[in-house]
Amino acid sequence: MLAIGIAGGSGSGKTSVVKKIIQSIPREKVSVLSQDAYYKDNGDLPQEEKEKINFDHPSAIEWSLLAHHIDELRHGRPVEMPTYSYVTCGRGKDTIPVNPCDVLIVEGILIFTDPALCKTLDLKVFVDTDADERLIRIIQRDVNERGRGLDRSIVHYQNFVKPMHELFIEPTKRLADIIIPVGAENEKGIDILTSKIKQTLGII
């Protein structure tokens, strides 16, 4: 199994890059684990405490469960990926079945901050997008999907997203094997990446 990590700042376009890869490779050969599914379950906390959760800090992730699921897939065993709601800050009752495939993509803003996880990845990709573009996407996502108003989204960015990006995420760029500027709009970069994957799979 070829394990690929795709990291980058919040709003950088990681998910769009993953979709482009999946479109270029036979779907039955690719499985995906999203770091966002592995946030710790804080659904029972009071609302005041939920609003203090720092989703951009490595301590927010249940790394042990993510590592266990990667190991299970490597050994040919399917896993049940959790579901998570930013609105409730808790895990849902439903899970998403993920089957072992030739290619495993692990996607998330913080995946390169965990040394043990990094060692399990055969190829590390960093999606590098300008801060102003990421901010626009973050605000749009917060308002449309995560129940935050404009003012709350800006405060959240200033208090959590920006400082955590500078402290934890941006430094991990140096760990990447491949850097893709401007995300899914960089067709040449994605073509190079997918060609490498196809070559490894022997499907060119």
Protein backbone atom coordinates (compact mmCIF):
# COMPACT_ATOMS: atom_id res chain seq x y z
CA MET A 1 0.00 0.00 0.00
CA LEU A 2 1.25 3.47 -0.94
CA ALA A 3 0.43 5.89 1.89
CA ILE A 4 0.26 9.54 0.86
CA GLY A 5 -0.11 12.44 3.28
CA ILE A 6 -1.64 15.68 2.03
CA ALA A 7 -1.26 18.61 4.42
CA GLY A 8 -1.45 22.40 4.26
CA GLY A 9 -3.13 25.27 6.02
CA SER A 10 -6.84 25.53 6.66
CA GLY A 11 -8.55 26.60 3.44
CA SER A 12 -5.53 25.75 1.29
CA GLY A 13 -7.45 23.42 -1.02
CA LYS A 14 -6.30 20.02 0.26
CA THR A 15 -9.67 18.38 -0.26
CA SER A 16 -9.84 19.66 -3.84
CA VAL A 17 -6.39 18.20 -4.53
CA VAL A 18 -7.54 14.86 -3.12
CA LYS A 19 -10.58 14.92 -5.41
CA LYS A 20 -8.36 15.62 -8.43
CA ILE A 21 -6.16 12.64 -7.55
CA ILE A 22 -9.16 10.36 -7.13
CA GLN A 23 -10.48 11.44 -10.53
CA SER A 24 -7.18 10.45 -12.16
CA ILE A 25 -6.83 6.99 -10.61
CA PRO A 26 -9.25 4.03 -10.69
CA ARG A 27 -11.54 4.66 -7.70
CA GLU A 28 -11.25 1.11 -6.40
CA LYS A 29 -7.52 1.62 -5.92
CA VAL A 30 -7.79 4.62 -3.54
CA SER A 31 -9.05 5.01 0.01
CA VAL A 32 -9.06 8.23 2.05
CA LEU A 33 -8.78 9.01 5.76
CA SER A 34 -9.56 12.57 6.83
CA GLN A 35 -7.85 13.99 9.91
CA ASP A 36 -11.03 15.98 10.60
CA ALA A 37 -12.83 12.74 11.41
CA TYR A 38 -10.43 12.08 14.29
CA TYR A 39 -11.02 15.16 16.41
CA LYS A 40 -11.57 14.21 20.03
CA ASP A 41 -15.22 13.86 20.98
CA ASN A 42 -16.24 16.95 22.97
CA GLY A 43 -19.96 16.73 22.35
CA ASP A 44 -20.78 16.66 26.08
CA LEU A 45 -19.00 19.92 26.90
CA PRO A 46 -21.02 23.07 27.70
CA GLN A 47 -21.30 25.50 24.79
CA GLU A 48 -18.94 27.95 26.49
CA GLU A 49 -16.22 25.29 26.57
CA LYS A 50 -16.88 24.17 23.02
CA GLU A 51 -16.19 27.68 21.76
CA LYS A 52 -12.75 27.52 23.39
CA ILE A 53 -11.69 24.35 21.53
CA ASN A 54 -8.59 24.94 19.44
CA PHE A 55 -9.15 22.76 16.36
CA ASP A 56 -5.82 23.91 14.94
CA HIS A 57 -3.69 22.49 17.78
CA PRO A 58 -2.29 18.94 17.52
CA SER A 59 -3.72 18.08 20.94
CA ALA A 60 -7.24 18.25 19.46
CA ILE A 61 -6.65 15.07 17.44
CA GLU A 62 -6.96 11.47 18.64
CA TRP A 63 -3.72 10.41 16.95
CA SER A 64 -3.75 6.93 18.45
CA LEU A 65 -7.01 6.03 16.72
CA LEU A 66 -5.84 7.45 13.38
CA ALA A 67 -2.56 5.50 13.67
CA HIS A 68 -4.47 2.33 14.53
CA HIS A 69 -6.71 2.70 11.48
CA ILE A 70 -3.73 3.26 9.17
CA ASP A 71 -2.07 0.16 10.59
CA GLU A 72 -5.23 -1.89 10.11
CA LEU A 73 -5.52 -0.80 6.47
CA ARG A 74 -1.85 -1.62 5.87
CA HIS A 75 -2.57 -5.13 7.09
CA GLY A 76 -5.51 -5.51 4.75
CA ARG A 77 -8.27 -4.99 7.28
CA PRO A 78 -11.17 -2.52 6.77
CA VAL A 79 -11.87 0.21 9.34
CA GLU A 80 -14.79 2.37 10.40
CA MET A 81 -13.78 6.04 10.14
CA PRO A 82 -15.61 8.28 12.63
CA THR A 83 -17.81 11.18 11.60
CA TYR A 84 -17.47 14.56 13.31
CA SER A 85 -19.59 17.70 13.53
CA TYR A 86 -18.03 21.14 14.06
CA VAL A 87 -21.46 22.37 15.10
CA THR A 88 -21.84 19.93 18.03
CA CYS A 89 -18.07 19.37 18.51
CA GLY A 90 -18.87 15.69 18.82
CA ARG A 91 -18.69 12.47 16.87
CA GLY A 92 -21.76 11.18 15.14
CA LYS A 93 -23.33 7.77 15.66
CA ASP A 94 -22.61 6.81 12.07
CA THR A 95 -19.20 5.78 10.78
CA ILE A 96 -17.78 5.55 7.26
CA PRO A 97 -16.39 2.18 6.12
CA VAL A 98 -12.92 2.45 4.59
CA ASN A 99 -11.46 -0.55 2.78
CA PRO A 100 -7.77 -1.32 2.24
CA CYS A 101 -6.62 -0.26 -1.24
CA ASP A 102 -3.42 0.11 -3.22
CA VAL A 103 -3.30 3.82 -2.32
CA LEU A 104 -4.21 5.38 1.02
CA ILE A 105 -4.52 9.17 1.21
CA VAL A 106 -4.39 10.74 4.67
CA GLU A 107 -5.51 14.39 4.51
CA GLY A 108 -5.46 17.12 7.14
CA ILE A 109 -3.88 20.35 8.34
CA LEU A 110 -1.90 18.77 11.18
CA ILE A 111 -0.85 15.36 9.91
CA PHE A 112 2.81 16.31 9.51
CA THR A 113 3.00 17.53 13.13
CA ASP A 114 2.84 13.95 14.44
CA PRO A 115 6.30 12.33 14.03
CA ALA A 116 4.99 8.75 14.26
CA LEU A 117 2.38 9.40 11.57
CA CYS A 118 4.97 11.04 9.32
CA LYS A 119 7.09 7.88 9.43
CA THR A 120 4.20 5.81 8.11
CA LEU A 121 3.75 8.02 5.03
CA ASP A 122 5.54 7.04 1.82
CA LEU A 123 4.92 10.41 0.15
CA LYS A 124 4.25 13.75 1.83
CA VAL A 125 2.53 16.57 -0.09
CA PHE A 126 2.04 20.12 1.16
CA VAL A 127 -0.62 22.31 -0.47
CA ASP A 128 0.68 25.89 -0.24
CA THR A 129 -1.85 28.70 -0.73
CA ASP A 130 -1.58 32.42 0.07
CA ALA A 131 -2.94 33.48 3.45
CA ASP A 132 -5.47 35.94 2.03
CA GLU A 133 -7.00 33.29 -0.23
CA ARG A 134 -7.16 30.82 2.65
CA LEU A 135 -8.85 33.44 4.85
CA ILE A 136 -11.60 34.02 2.28
CA ARG A 137 -12.25 30.27 2.01
CA ILE A 138 -12.21 29.84 5.80
CA ILE A 139 -14.80 32.58 6.33
CA GLN A 140 -17.04 31.17 3.59
CA ARG A 141 -16.82 27.69 5.10
CA ASP A 142 -17.38 28.90 8.67
CA VAL A 143 -20.50 30.84 7.72
CA ASN A 144 -21.98 28.27 5.34
CA GLU A 145 -21.05 25.00 7.05
CA ARG A 146 -20.01 25.52 10.65
CA GLY A 147 -22.65 27.82 12.06
CA ARG A 148 -20.36 30.79 12.70
CA GLY A 149 -21.28 34.34 11.81
CA LEU A 150 -18.83 36.65 10.06
CA ASP A 151 -17.62 38.33 13.27
CA ARG A 152 -17.09 35.01 15.08
CA SER A 153 -15.26 33.60 12.07
CA ILE A 154 -12.82 36.54 11.99
CA VAL A 155 -12.19 36.32 15.75
CA HIS A 156 -11.67 32.57 15.47
CA TYR A 157 -9.16 33.11 12.67
CA GLN A 158 -7.25 35.73 14.66
CA ASN A 159 -7.22 33.74 17.92
CA PHE A 160 -6.70 30.22 16.62
CA VAL A 161 -6.21 29.64 12.90
CA LYS A 162 -3.51 32.22 12.12
CA PRO A 163 -1.25 31.70 15.18
CA MET A 164 -1.54 27.91 15.02
CA HIS A 165 -0.74 27.94 11.31
CA GLU A 166 2.43 29.92 11.96
CA LEU A 167 3.40 27.78 14.96
CA PHE A 168 2.54 24.26 13.82
CA ILE A 169 1.52 23.99 10.17
CA GLU A 170 3.80 26.28 8.15
CA PRO A 171 6.99 24.75 9.66
CA THR A 172 5.96 21.27 8.45
CA LYS A 173 6.31 22.43 4.85
CA ARG A 174 9.98 21.49 5.07
CA LEU A 175 8.98 17.86 5.68
CA ALA A 176 7.13 17.63 2.36
CA ASP A 177 8.45 15.67 -0.59
CA ILE A 178 6.26 17.70 -2.96
CA ILE A 179 4.83 21.22 -2.55
CA ILE A 180 1.82 22.18 -4.67
CA PRO A 181 1.22 25.94 -4.79
CA VAL A 182 -2.37 27.27 -5.14
CA GLY A 183 -3.97 23.87 -4.63
CA ALA A 184 -6.21 22.24 -7.21
CA GLU A 185 -5.67 25.12 -9.65
CA ASN A 186 -2.10 23.90 -10.13
CA GLU A 187 -2.88 21.33 -12.80
CA LYS A 188 0.76 20.70 -13.72
CA GLY A 189 1.68 19.98 -10.10
CA ILE A 190 -1.23 17.58 -9.70
CA ASP A 191 -0.35 15.89 -13.01
CA ILE A 192 3.19 15.27 -11.73
CA LEU A 193 1.81 13.87 -8.47
CA THR A 194 -0.74 11.58 -10.14
CA SER A 195 1.87 10.40 -12.65
CA LYS A 196 4.11 9.39 -9.75
CA ILE A 197 1.24 7.48 -8.15
CA LYS A 198 0.34 5.73 -11.41
CA GLN A 199 3.98 4.83 -11.97
CA THR A 200 4.18 3.30 -8.50
CA LEU A 201 0.99 1.33 -9.15
CA GLY A 202 2.19 0.26 -12.59
CA ILE A 203 -0.89 1.63 -14.38
CA ILE A 204 0.81 4.00 -16.82
